[in-house]
Amino acid sequence: MKYTAAVITVSDKGSQGLRQDTSGPAVRAMLEEAGFAVTHTAILPDEMERISAELRDCADRRGIDLIVTTGGTGLSPRDVTPEATRAVLEREIPAIPVAMWVEGLKVTPRAMLSRAVAGTRGSSLLLNLPGSEKAARENLGAVIGALEHGLHMIAAEGHE
């Protein structure tokens, strides 16, 4: 089964056109290469309610299977993507960020500073990635192989 995906970049400067988004397109390319149909993209400012509203829209109205954010997972005061994501999750999946941290720590000790979360809302799987293109690629690369299976399970399709 082919699954749909959304890529949402969270960046104040990116949403104002002051910085080019490179992580969003990189994540999109990786998802498409893995067989996902990316049907929605957006660039939003670091505003909790806007992020939560976009995640709800993607899951509830658009019915997108995999919703990936990039950006807003660090320690700056404006980094609120994990909080915005937790506000809409029905079930958290803590092992997905753990897998990303484990792989990230092999590259840099700074990986431990990521606050990414993952979980489900309805039949959608939501996943936070860091904002830097390099880190977003590394983190997604660490878990992309398990995402399709997770989506099968969410859809109650059972094991393949």
Foldseek 3Di string as FASTA:
>chain_A
DEFEEEEEEEAQCVQVVNDPQDQRVLVVVVCVVVRHHHDYYYYHYLDLVVLLVVVCCCCPVVVGAEYEYEALFADDPSSCNQVSVVVQAPFWDAVLLVLLLVQVVVPPVCSVRGRWTWHDHQLHTYTYFYRDNVRRVSSCVSCVVCSVVVSCVSVVVDDD
